[in-house]
Amino acid sequence: MSPPDNMQLVTLPIDGLAPGDANALVTWNPGVSFDAPLLIVLFFHGLEENPQTFAQTHHRLPEQVAASTKNTILVAPTMRVSGNVNAGYLASFEKIVTLVAEAVLTAGKAVGKIADRTEAKAAVAQAKLHLVAYSNGHVAWSQAIKTLRTSPQASTTLPRVGHSLFDCLYWSTPLMDGAEHLPAESARFSNIGRAIPQSAFVTTHFTSNNETLSRAKSLKVMVEHEPAFQLHDDVPTRLDAKDIVLAHLPSSKHDEAVSSRRELSRVISAVPGFDLPAGPSA
């Protein structure tokens, strides 16, 4: 299958990613502008046999980014897998910034709007981050949360606007910290878990047969005991901090969790700001 015009498979200079000719998929909205703030989506795959092909054919990431109404670039690093995904490459804030900057450079060169890393870094300086995990990608999402929480620079460089978890609400995620051994009706946010939706929206999406659906009841109770948080059973037209979505997808197939109803595109489109410019950028 030929790659779409708004996608490239690339080798990013990031230690710790999977070996091979390409270690990331980068896709962008065809109308992307580098003169306006960028929404960077960092997508973490699971245990798919070929994550890059899966991202194109099953998640339909290029199609979903193109269908969104936002000034978006998405990067899906291909991680090393040994029983689980290896997220060590996210252990430093500098590596996360470099990963994002290289993705911006890839997209910018592809559309003829950015020539070098200096311009890419300037675009990153006004960008914000949406972290997305699918399946065992929750391991990488959790590591990214830990790194960003402990990096003072993250509040001004790549601050988060949101998080989306597709079939991966595991007890071990920071969001569910402390809730594992409690009855669902007694589940409450820990300080770590509460801090995530306080600063950025959270969306969770479940196919009907996925094992992590059992955690949704606990999360619902947790949200109901936080008056400042707003619970939604579907993706609203606008998502802000303190919004939490518990979405049940019309599919039983785990590999459709991201693409069902173009769910990721719906989330991206609900992010306030980051609207595409009326005309092409200079």
C-alpha atoms as a PDB file:
ATOM      1  CA  MET A   1       0.000   0.000   0.000  1.00  0.00           C
ATOM      2  CA  SER A   2       1.378   3.380  -1.004  1.00  0.00           C
ATOM      3  CA  PRO A   3       1.617   5.888   1.845  1.00  0.00           C
ATOM      4  CA  PRO A   4      -0.822   8.805   1.673  1.00  0.00           C
ATOM      5  CA  ASP A   5       0.489  12.251   0.780  1.00  0.00           C
ATOM      6  CA  ASN A   6       0.252  13.431   4.398  1.00  0.00           C
ATOM      7  CA  MET A   7       2.407  10.668   5.894  1.00  0.00           C
ATOM      8  CA  GLN A   8       6.030   9.584   5.986  1.00  0.00           C
ATOM      9  CA  LEU A   9       7.865   6.684   7.594  1.00  0.00           C
ATOM     10  CA  VAL A  10      11.114   8.134   8.900  1.00  0.00           C
ATOM     11  CA  THR A  11      14.172   7.392  10.981  1.00  0.00           C
ATOM     12  CA  LEU A  12      14.323   9.826  13.884  1.00  0.00           C
ATOM     13  CA  PRO A  13      17.632  10.367  15.745  1.00  0.00           C
ATOM     14  CA  ILE A  14      16.218   9.078  19.042  1.00  0.00           C
ATOM     15  CA  ASP A  15      18.097   6.370  20.946  1.00  0.00           C
ATOM     16  CA  GLY A  16      15.947   3.534  22.237  1.00  0.00           C
ATOM     17  CA  LEU A  17      13.431   3.207  19.412  1.00  0.00           C
ATOM     18  CA  ALA A  18      13.079   0.022  17.372  1.00  0.00           C
ATOM     19  CA  PRO A  19      15.957  -0.734  14.989  1.00  0.00           C
ATOM     20  CA  GLY A  20      15.394  -0.776  11.252  1.00  0.00           C
ATOM     21  CA  ASP A  21      15.026   1.473   8.258  1.00  0.00           C
ATOM     22  CA  ALA A  22      12.266   3.527   9.886  1.00  0.00           C
ATOM     23  CA  ASN A  23      11.447   4.054  13.546  1.00  0.00           C
ATOM     24  CA  ALA A  24       8.441   6.377  13.388  1.00  0.00           C
ATOM     25  CA  LEU A  25       5.349   7.282  11.438  1.00  0.00           C
ATOM     26  CA  VAL A  26       4.715  11.014  11.018  1.00  0.00           C
ATOM     27  CA  THR A  27       1.445  12.352   9.632  1.00  0.00           C
ATOM     28  CA  TRP A  28      -0.022  15.851   9.427  1.00  0.00           C
ATOM     29  CA  ASN A  29      -3.139  17.710   8.415  1.00  0.00           C
ATOM     30  CA  PRO A  30      -2.777  18.601   4.706  1.00  0.00           C
ATOM     31  CA  GLY A  31      -3.511  22.226   5.570  1.00  0.00           C
ATOM     32  CA  VAL A  32      -0.887  22.397   8.314  1.00  0.00           C
ATOM     33  CA  SER A  33       0.574  25.824   9.042  1.00  0.00           C
ATOM     34  CA  PHE A  34       3.830  26.492  10.861  1.00  0.00           C
ATOM     35  CA  ASP A  35       2.938  30.137  11.398  1.00  0.00           C
ATOM     36  CA  ALA A  36       0.158  29.167  13.838  1.00  0.00           C
ATOM     37  CA  PRO A  37       0.293  27.123  17.047  1.00  0.00           C
ATOM     38  CA  LEU A  38       0.608  23.388  16.415  1.00  0.00           C
ATOM     39  CA  LEU A  39      -1.218  20.589  18.202  1.00  0.00           C
ATOM     40  CA  ILE A  40       1.279  17.738  18.453  1.00  0.00           C
ATOM     41  CA  VAL A  41      -0.222  14.283  18.959  1.00  0.00           C
ATOM     42  CA  LEU A  42       2.228  11.756  20.400  1.00  0.00           C
ATOM     43  CA  PHE A  43       0.770   8.294  19.696  1.00  0.00           C
ATOM     44  CA  PHE A  44       1.982   5.178  21.546  1.00  0.00           C
ATOM     45  CA  HIS A  45       1.319   1.808  19.917  1.00  0.00           C
ATOM     46  CA  GLY A  46       0.769  -1.517  21.669  1.00  0.00           C
ATOM     47  CA  LEU A  47       2.025  -5.006  20.832  1.00  0.00           C
ATOM     48  CA  GLU A  48       1.040  -4.938  17.158  1.00  0.00           C
ATOM     49  CA  GLU A  49       3.351  -7.076  15.025  1.00  0.00           C
ATOM     50  CA  ASN A  50       4.053  -4.213  12.636  1.00  0.00           C
ATOM     51  CA  PRO A  51       3.049  -0.965  14.387  1.00  0.00           C
ATOM     52  CA  GLN A  52       3.681   1.319  11.403  1.00  0.00           C
ATOM     53  CA  THR A  53       1.515  -0.717   9.030  1.00  0.00           C
ATOM     54  CA  PHE A  54      -1.117  -1.154  11.745  1.00  0.00           C
ATOM     55  CA  ALA A  55      -1.185   2.596  12.333  1.00  0.00           C
ATOM     56  CA  GLN A  56      -1.994   3.191   8.677  1.00  0.00           C
ATOM     57  CA  THR A  57      -4.354   0.294   7.921  1.00  0.00           C
ATOM     58  CA  HIS A  58      -6.174  -0.283  11.233  1.00  0.00           C
ATOM     59  CA  HIS A  59      -5.917   2.942  13.245  1.00  0.00           C
ATOM     60  CA  ARG A  60      -6.075   4.949   9.991  1.00  0.00           C
ATOM     61  CA  LEU A  61      -4.011   7.692  11.581  1.00  0.00           C
ATOM     62  CA  PRO A  62      -3.245   9.686   8.395  1.00  0.00           C
ATOM     63  CA  GLU A  63      -6.929   9.660   7.483  1.00  0.00           C
ATOM     64  CA  GLN A  64      -8.005  10.695  10.978  1.00  0.00           C
ATOM     65  CA  VAL A  65      -5.512  13.555  11.203  1.00  0.00           C
ATOM     66  CA  ALA A  66      -6.564  14.772   7.760  1.00  0.00           C
ATOM     67  CA  ALA A  67     -10.250  14.595   8.743  1.00  0.00           C
ATOM     68  CA  SER A  68      -9.759  16.688  11.858  1.00  0.00           C
ATOM     69  CA  THR A  69     -10.255  20.431  11.799  1.00  0.00           C
ATOM     70  CA  LYS A  70      -7.040  21.259  13.633  1.00  0.00           C
ATOM     71  CA  ASN A  71      -3.477  22.330  12.882  1.00  0.00           C
ATOM     72  CA  THR A  72      -2.092  18.934  13.804  1.00  0.00           C
ATOM     73  CA  ILE A  73       1.051  16.863  13.432  1.00  0.00           C
ATOM     74  CA  LEU A  74       1.059  13.300  14.787  1.00  0.00           C
ATOM     75  CA  VAL A  75       4.146  11.224  15.519  1.00  0.00           C
ATOM     76  CA  ALA A  76       3.928   7.521  16.330  1.00  0.00           C
ATOM     77  CA  PRO A  77       7.347   6.235  17.458  1.00  0.00           C
ATOM     78  CA  THR A  78       8.002   2.549  16.806  1.00  0.00           C
ATOM     79  CA  MET A  79       9.142   1.181  20.137  1.00  0.00           C
ATOM     80  CA  ARG A  80      11.274  -1.779  21.045  1.00  0.00           C
ATOM     81  CA  VAL A  81       9.142  -4.641  22.352  1.00  0.00           C
ATOM     82  CA  SER A  82      10.304  -7.353  24.722  1.00  0.00           C
ATOM     83  CA  GLY A  83       7.224  -8.752  26.425  1.00  0.00           C
ATOM     84  CA  ASN A  84       6.011  -5.156  26.605  1.00  0.00           C
ATOM     85  CA  VAL A  85       6.816  -1.864  24.934  1.00  0.00           C
ATOM     86  CA  ASN A  86      10.096  -0.301  26.027  1.00  0.00           C
ATOM     87  CA  ALA A  87       9.517   3.315  27.038  1.00  0.00           C
ATOM     88  CA  GLY A  88      13.017   4.194  28.210  1.00  0.00           C
ATOM     89  CA  TYR A  89      13.419   6.654  25.328  1.00  0.00           C
ATOM     90  CA  LEU A  90      10.877   8.892  27.092  1.00  0.00           C
ATOM     91  CA  ALA A  91      12.814   9.096  30.345  1.00  0.00           C
ATOM     92  CA  SER A  92      14.208  12.558  29.635  1.00  0.00           C
ATOM     93  CA  PHE A  93      12.391  15.758  28.771  1.00  0.00           C
ATOM     94  CA  GLU A  94      15.068  16.630  26.218  1.00  0.00           C
ATOM     95  CA  LYS A  95      14.401  13.413  24.288  1.00  0.00           C
ATOM     96  CA  ILE A  96      10.675  14.110  24.181  1.00  0.00           C
ATOM     97  CA  VAL A  97      11.316  17.608  22.818  1.00  0.00           C
ATOM     98  CA  THR A  98      13.784  16.246  20.255  1.00  0.00           C
ATOM     99  CA  LEU A  99      11.289  13.595  19.170  1.00  0.00           C
ATOM    100  CA  VAL A 100       8.612  16.215  18.627  1.00  0.00           C
ATOM    101  CA  ALA A 101      10.959  18.651  16.883  1.00  0.00           C
ATOM    102  CA  GLU A 102      12.129  15.971  14.447  1.00  0.00           C
ATOM    103  CA  ALA A 103       8.514  15.101  13.636  1.00  0.00           C
ATOM    104  CA  VAL A 104       7.762  18.776  12.982  1.00  0.00           C
ATOM    105  CA  LEU A 105      10.842  19.004  10.771  1.00  0.00           C
ATOM    106  CA  THR A 106       9.714  15.918   8.809  1.00  0.00           C
ATOM    107  CA  ALA A 107       6.260  17.349   8.186  1.00  0.00           C
ATOM    108  CA  GLY A 108       7.611  20.821   7.445  1.00  0.00           C
ATOM    109  CA  LYS A 109      10.057  19.579   4.842  1.00  0.00           C
ATOM    110  CA  ALA A 110       7.435  17.324   3.262  1.00  0.00           C
ATOM    111  CA  VAL A 111       5.093  20.257   2.629  1.00  0.00           C
ATOM    112  CA  GLY A 112       7.890  22.694   1.781  1.00  0.00           C
ATOM    113  CA  LYS A 113       7.291  25.051   4.693  1.00  0.00           C
ATOM    114  CA  ILE A 114      10.244  24.343   7.023  1.00  0.00           C
ATOM    115  CA  ALA A 115      13.843  24.009   5.941  1.00  0.00           C
ATOM    116  CA  ASP A 116      15.872  23.294   9.062  1.00  0.00           C
ATOM    117  CA  ARG A 117      15.844  22.382  12.757  1.00  0.00           C
ATOM    118  CA  THR A 118      15.956  26.009  13.864  1.00  0.00           C
ATOM    119  CA  GLU A 119      12.595  26.619  12.227  1.00  0.00           C
ATOM    120  CA  ALA A 120      11.243  23.344  13.630  1.00  0.00           C
ATOM    121  CA  LYS A 121      12.280  24.318  17.160  1.00  0.00           C
ATOM    122  CA  ALA A 122      10.587  27.694  16.742  1.00  0.00           C
ATOM    123  CA  ALA A 123       7.354  25.912  15.823  1.00  0.00           C
ATOM    124  CA  VAL A 124       7.697  23.558  18.808  1.00  0.00           C
ATOM    125  CA  ALA A 125       8.099  26.552  21.126  1.00  0.00           C
ATOM    126  CA  GLN A 126       4.446  27.488  20.563  1.00  0.00           C
ATOM    127  CA  ALA A 127       3.080  23.940  20.259  1.00  0.00           C
ATOM    128  CA  LYS A 128       1.077  21.915  22.777  1.00  0.00           C
ATOM    129  CA  LEU A 129       0.904  18.183  23.329  1.00  0.00           C
ATOM    130  CA  HIS A 130      -1.867  15.587  23.207  1.00  0.00           C
ATOM    131  CA  LEU A 131      -0.724  12.185  24.501  1.00  0.00           C
ATOM    132  CA  VAL A 132      -2.512   9.143  23.073  1.00  0.00           C
ATOM    133  CA  ALA A 133      -2.073   5.484  24.056  1.00  0.00           C
ATOM    134  CA  TYR A 134      -3.469   2.323  22.511  1.00  0.00           C
ATOM    135  CA  SER A 135      -3.415  -1.033  24.317  1.00  0.00           C
ATOM    136  CA  ASN A 136       0.034  -1.686  25.827  1.00  0.00           C
ATOM    137  CA  GLY A 137       1.025   1.811  24.791  1.00  0.00           C
ATOM    138  CA  HIS A 138      -0.169   2.724  28.287  1.00  0.00           C
ATOM    139  CA  VAL A 139       3.362   1.891  29.443  1.00  0.00           C
ATOM    140  CA  ALA A 140       4.822   4.652  27.273  1.00  0.00           C
ATOM    141  CA  TRP A 141       2.010   7.043  28.177  1.00  0.00           C
ATOM    142  CA  SER A 142       2.714   6.482  31.867  1.00  0.00           C
ATOM    143  CA  GLN A 143       6.436   7.094  31.362  1.00  0.00           C
ATOM    144  CA  ALA A 144       5.745  10.288  29.426  1.00  0.00           C
ATOM    145  CA  ILE A 145       3.481  11.495  32.257  1.00  0.00           C
ATOM    146  CA  LYS A 146       6.183  10.795  34.824  1.00  0.00           C
ATOM    147  CA  THR A 147       8.850  12.626  32.817  1.00  0.00           C
ATOM    148  CA  LEU A 148       6.681  15.648  32.079  1.00  0.00           C
ATOM    149  CA  ARG A 149       5.467  15.899  35.683  1.00  0.00           C
ATOM    150  CA  THR A 150       9.029  16.095  36.974  1.00  0.00           C
ATOM    151  CA  SER A 151      10.333  18.497  34.299  1.00  0.00           C
ATOM    152  CA  PRO A 152       9.885  22.186  35.177  1.00  0.00           C
ATOM    153  CA  GLN A 153      10.294  23.146  31.505  1.00  0.00           C
ATOM    154  CA  ALA A 154       7.148  21.198  30.542  1.00  0.00           C
ATOM    155  CA  SER A 155       4.840  23.968  31.738  1.00  0.00           C
ATOM    156  CA  THR A 156       6.162  26.331  29.067  1.00  0.00           C
ATOM    157  CA  THR A 157       7.530  23.949  26.434  1.00  0.00           C
ATOM    158  CA  LEU A 158       5.036  21.358  25.147  1.00  0.00           C
ATOM    159  CA  PRO A 159       2.411  21.764  27.860  1.00  0.00           C
ATOM    160  CA  ARG A 160      -0.306  19.115  27.636  1.00  0.00           C
ATOM    161  CA  VAL A 161      -3.824  19.872  26.471  1.00  0.00           C
ATOM    162  CA  GLY A 162      -5.154  16.331  26.727  1.00  0.00           C
ATOM    163  CA  HIS A 163      -4.787  12.572  27.056  1.00  0.00           C
ATOM    164  CA  SER A 164      -6.616   9.779  25.244  1.00  0.00           C
ATOM    165  CA  LEU A 165      -6.527   6.120  26.302  1.00  0.00           C
ATOM    166  CA  PHE A 166      -7.877   3.559  23.838  1.00  0.00           C
ATOM    167  CA  ASP A 167      -8.570   0.147  25.396  1.00  0.00           C
ATOM    168  CA  CYS A 168      -5.807   0.705  27.940  1.00  0.00           C
ATOM    169  CA  LEU A 169      -7.199   1.897  31.264  1.00  0.00           C
ATOM    170  CA  TYR A 170      -4.867  -0.349  33.255  1.00  0.00           C
ATOM    171  CA  TRP A 171      -4.585  -0.143  37.031  1.00  0.00           C
ATOM    172  CA  SER A 172      -0.905   0.670  36.606  1.00  0.00           C
ATOM    173  CA  THR A 173      -1.595   3.953  34.796  1.00  0.00           C
ATOM    174  CA  PRO A 174      -1.072   7.116  36.879  1.00  0.00           C
ATOM    175  CA  LEU A 175      -4.744   8.016  36.394  1.00  0.00           C
ATOM    176  CA  MET A 176      -5.839   4.928  38.365  1.00  0.00           C
ATOM    177  CA  ASP A 177      -3.131   5.187  41.008  1.00  0.00           C
ATOM    178  CA  GLY A 178      -4.312   3.678  44.310  1.00  0.00           C
ATOM    179  CA  ALA A 179      -7.676   2.388  43.038  1.00  0.00           C
ATOM    180  CA  GLU A 180      -6.718  -1.194  42.180  1.00  0.00           C
ATOM    181  CA  HIS A 181      -7.458  -2.858  45.524  1.00  0.00           C
ATOM    182  CA  LEU A 182     -10.593  -0.897  46.375  1.00  0.00           C
ATOM    183  CA  PRO A 183     -14.208  -1.834  45.595  1.00  0.00           C
ATOM    184  CA  ALA A 184     -15.404   0.270  42.672  1.00  0.00           C
ATOM    185  CA  GLU A 185     -17.765   2.242  44.904  1.00  0.00           C
ATOM    186  CA  SER A 186     -14.830   3.229  47.142  1.00  0.00           C
ATOM    187  CA  ALA A 187     -12.435   4.266  44.386  1.00  0.00           C
ATOM    188  CA  ARG A 188     -11.044   7.794  44.644  1.00  0.00           C
ATOM    189  CA  PHE A 189      -8.375   9.772  42.808  1.00  0.00           C
ATOM    190  CA  SER A 190      -4.941   9.885  44.379  1.00  0.00           C
ATOM    191  CA  ASN A 191      -3.047  13.169  44.244  1.00  0.00           C
ATOM    192  CA  ILE A 192      -1.114  11.850  41.237  1.00  0.00           C
ATOM    193  CA  GLY A 193      -4.237  10.738  39.401  1.00  0.00           C
ATOM    194  CA  ARG A 194      -6.185  13.912  40.182  1.00  0.00           C
ATOM    195  CA  ALA A 195      -3.425  16.136  38.818  1.00  0.00           C
ATOM    196  CA  ILE A 196      -3.813  14.754  35.278  1.00  0.00           C
ATOM    197  CA  PRO A 197      -7.381  15.936  34.526  1.00  0.00           C
ATOM    198  CA  GLN A 198      -6.874  19.100  36.548  1.00  0.00           C
ATOM    199  CA  SER A 199      -4.505  20.399  33.886  1.00  0.00           C
ATOM    200  CA  ALA A 200      -5.645  18.574  30.720  1.00  0.00           C
ATOM    201  CA  PHE A 201      -8.688  16.674  29.507  1.00  0.00           C
ATOM    202  CA  VAL A 202      -8.812  12.875  29.623  1.00  0.00           C
ATOM    203  CA  THR A 203     -10.723  10.637  27.224  1.00  0.00           C
ATOM    204  CA  THR A 204     -11.075   6.871  27.612  1.00  0.00           C
ATOM    205  CA  HIS A 205     -12.480   4.630  24.872  1.00  0.00           C
ATOM    206  CA  PHE A 206     -13.505   0.980  25.206  1.00  0.00           C
ATOM    207  CA  THR A 207     -14.477  -1.795  22.838  1.00  0.00           C
ATOM    208  CA  SER A 208     -16.991  -4.152  24.435  1.00  0.00           C
ATOM    209  CA  ASN A 209     -14.659  -7.131  24.938  1.00  0.00           C
ATOM    210  CA  ASN A 210     -11.591  -5.331  26.246  1.00  0.00           C
ATOM    211  CA  GLU A 211     -10.347  -6.317  29.697  1.00  0.00           C
ATOM    212  CA  THR A 212      -9.751  -2.718  30.795  1.00  0.00           C
ATOM    213  CA  LEU A 213     -13.451  -1.909  30.451  1.00  0.00           C
ATOM    214  CA  SER A 214     -13.822  -3.277  33.993  1.00  0.00           C
ATOM    215  CA  ARG A 215     -11.945  -0.204  35.287  1.00  0.00           C
ATOM    216  CA  ALA A 216     -14.507   2.199  33.817  1.00  0.00           C
ATOM    217  CA  LYS A 217     -16.864   1.716  36.772  1.00  0.00           C
ATOM    218  CA  SER A 218     -14.141   2.737  39.200  1.00  0.00           C
ATOM    219  CA  LEU A 219     -13.184   5.774  37.124  1.00  0.00           C
ATOM    220  CA  LYS A 220     -16.828   6.847  36.937  1.00  0.00           C
ATOM    221  CA  VAL A 221     -17.096   6.763  40.732  1.00  0.00           C
ATOM    222  CA  MET A 222     -13.808   8.630  41.062  1.00  0.00           C
ATOM    223  CA  VAL A 223     -15.054  11.422  38.792  1.00  0.00           C
ATOM    224  CA  GLU A 224     -18.410  11.636  40.562  1.00  0.00           C
ATOM    225  CA  HIS A 225     -16.592  12.423  43.814  1.00  0.00           C
ATOM    226  CA  GLU A 226     -14.728  15.342  42.232  1.00  0.00           C
ATOM    227  CA  PRO A 227     -17.201  18.261  41.848  1.00  0.00           C
ATOM    228  CA  ALA A 228     -14.782  20.216  39.670  1.00  0.00           C
ATOM    229  CA  PHE A 229     -14.595  17.444  37.045  1.00  0.00           C
ATOM    230  CA  GLN A 230     -17.148  16.994  34.274  1.00  0.00           C
ATOM    231  CA  LEU A 231     -18.001  13.447  33.137  1.00  0.00           C
ATOM    232  CA  HIS A 232     -19.100  12.755  29.532  1.00  0.00           C
ATOM    233  CA  ASP A 233     -20.265   9.491  27.980  1.00  0.00           C
ATOM    234  CA  ASP A 234     -19.238  10.639  24.508  1.00  0.00           C
ATOM    235  CA  VAL A 235     -16.745  13.087  23.013  1.00  0.00           C
ATOM    236  CA  PRO A 236     -18.262  16.582  23.354  1.00  0.00           C
ATOM    237  CA  THR A 237     -17.780  19.334  20.788  1.00  0.00           C
ATOM    238  CA  ARG A 238     -15.197  20.983  23.067  1.00  0.00           C
ATOM    239  CA  LEU A 239     -12.735  19.411  25.499  1.00  0.00           C
ATOM    240  CA  ASP A 240     -11.028  21.385  28.245  1.00  0.00           C
ATOM    241  CA  ALA A 241      -9.135  20.595  31.430  1.00  0.00           C
ATOM    242  CA  LYS A 242     -11.373  18.819  33.974  1.00  0.00           C
ATOM    243  CA  ASP A 243     -13.376  17.105  31.214  1.00  0.00           C
ATOM    244  CA  ILE A 244     -13.275  13.299  31.420  1.00  0.00           C
ATOM    245  CA  VAL A 245     -14.850  11.075  28.772  1.00  0.00           C
ATOM    246  CA  LEU A 246     -15.907   7.441  29.310  1.00  0.00           C
ATOM    247  CA  ALA A 247     -16.836   6.326  25.782  1.00  0.00           C
ATOM    248  CA  HIS A 248     -18.196   2.873  24.940  1.00  0.00           C
ATOM    249  CA  LEU A 249     -17.480   2.160  21.284  1.00  0.00           C
ATOM    250  CA  PRO A 250     -19.866   0.357  18.919  1.00  0.00           C
ATOM    251  CA  SER A 251     -17.339  -2.410  18.309  1.00  0.00           C
ATOM    252  CA  SER A 252     -16.103  -5.553  20.020  1.00  0.00           C
ATOM    253  CA  LYS A 253     -12.839  -5.572  18.049  1.00  0.00           C
ATOM    254  CA  HIS A 254      -9.787  -4.336  19.908  1.00  0.00           C
ATOM    255  CA  ASP A 255      -8.009  -3.377  16.678  1.00  0.00           C
ATOM    256  CA  GLU A 256     -10.837  -0.934  15.882  1.00  0.00           C
ATOM    257  CA  ALA A 257     -10.605   0.982  19.157  1.00  0.00           C
ATOM    258  CA  VAL A 258      -8.888   4.003  17.599  1.00  0.00           C
ATOM    259  CA  SER A 259     -10.587   4.013  14.185  1.00  0.00           C
ATOM    260  CA  SER A 260     -14.165   3.226  15.224  1.00  0.00           C
ATOM    261  CA  ARG A 261     -16.277   6.321  14.474  1.00  0.00           C
ATOM    262  CA  ARG A 262     -12.974   8.086  13.643  1.00  0.00           C
ATOM    263  CA  GLU A 263     -12.762   8.454  17.410  1.00  0.00           C
ATOM    264  CA  LEU A 264      -9.286   9.986  17.529  1.00  0.00           C
ATOM    265  CA  SER A 265     -10.243  12.554  14.903  1.00  0.00           C
ATOM    266  CA  ARG A 266     -13.315  13.496  16.945  1.00  0.00           C
ATOM    267  CA  VAL A 267     -11.143  14.092  20.009  1.00  0.00           C
ATOM    268  CA  ILE A 268      -8.624  16.196  18.080  1.00  0.00           C
ATOM    269  CA  SER A 269     -11.418  18.301  16.591  1.00  0.00           C
ATOM    270  CA  ALA A 270     -12.785  18.987  20.097  1.00  0.00           C
ATOM    271  CA  VAL A 271      -9.563  20.631  21.290  1.00  0.00           C
ATOM    272  CA  PRO A 272     -10.141  24.405  21.557  1.00  0.00           C
ATOM    273  CA  GLY A 273      -7.871  26.559  19.431  1.00  0.00           C
ATOM    274  CA  PHE A 274      -5.391  25.221  16.873  1.00  0.00           C
ATOM    275  CA  ASP A 275      -7.803  25.962  14.033  1.00  0.00           C
ATOM    276  CA  LEU A 276      -6.424  25.621  10.555  1.00  0.00           C
ATOM    277  CA  PRO A 277      -5.730  28.934   8.831  1.00  0.00           C
ATOM    278  CA  ALA A 278      -8.206  30.130   6.214  1.00  0.00           C
ATOM    279  CA  GLY A 279      -5.564  29.948   3.511  1.00  0.00           C
ATOM    280  CA  PRO A 280      -2.153  28.313   3.001  1.00  0.00           C
ATOM    281  CA  SER A 281       0.694  29.600   5.152  1.00  0.00           C
ATOM    282  CA  ALA A 282       3.562  31.468   3.566  1.00  0.00           C
END
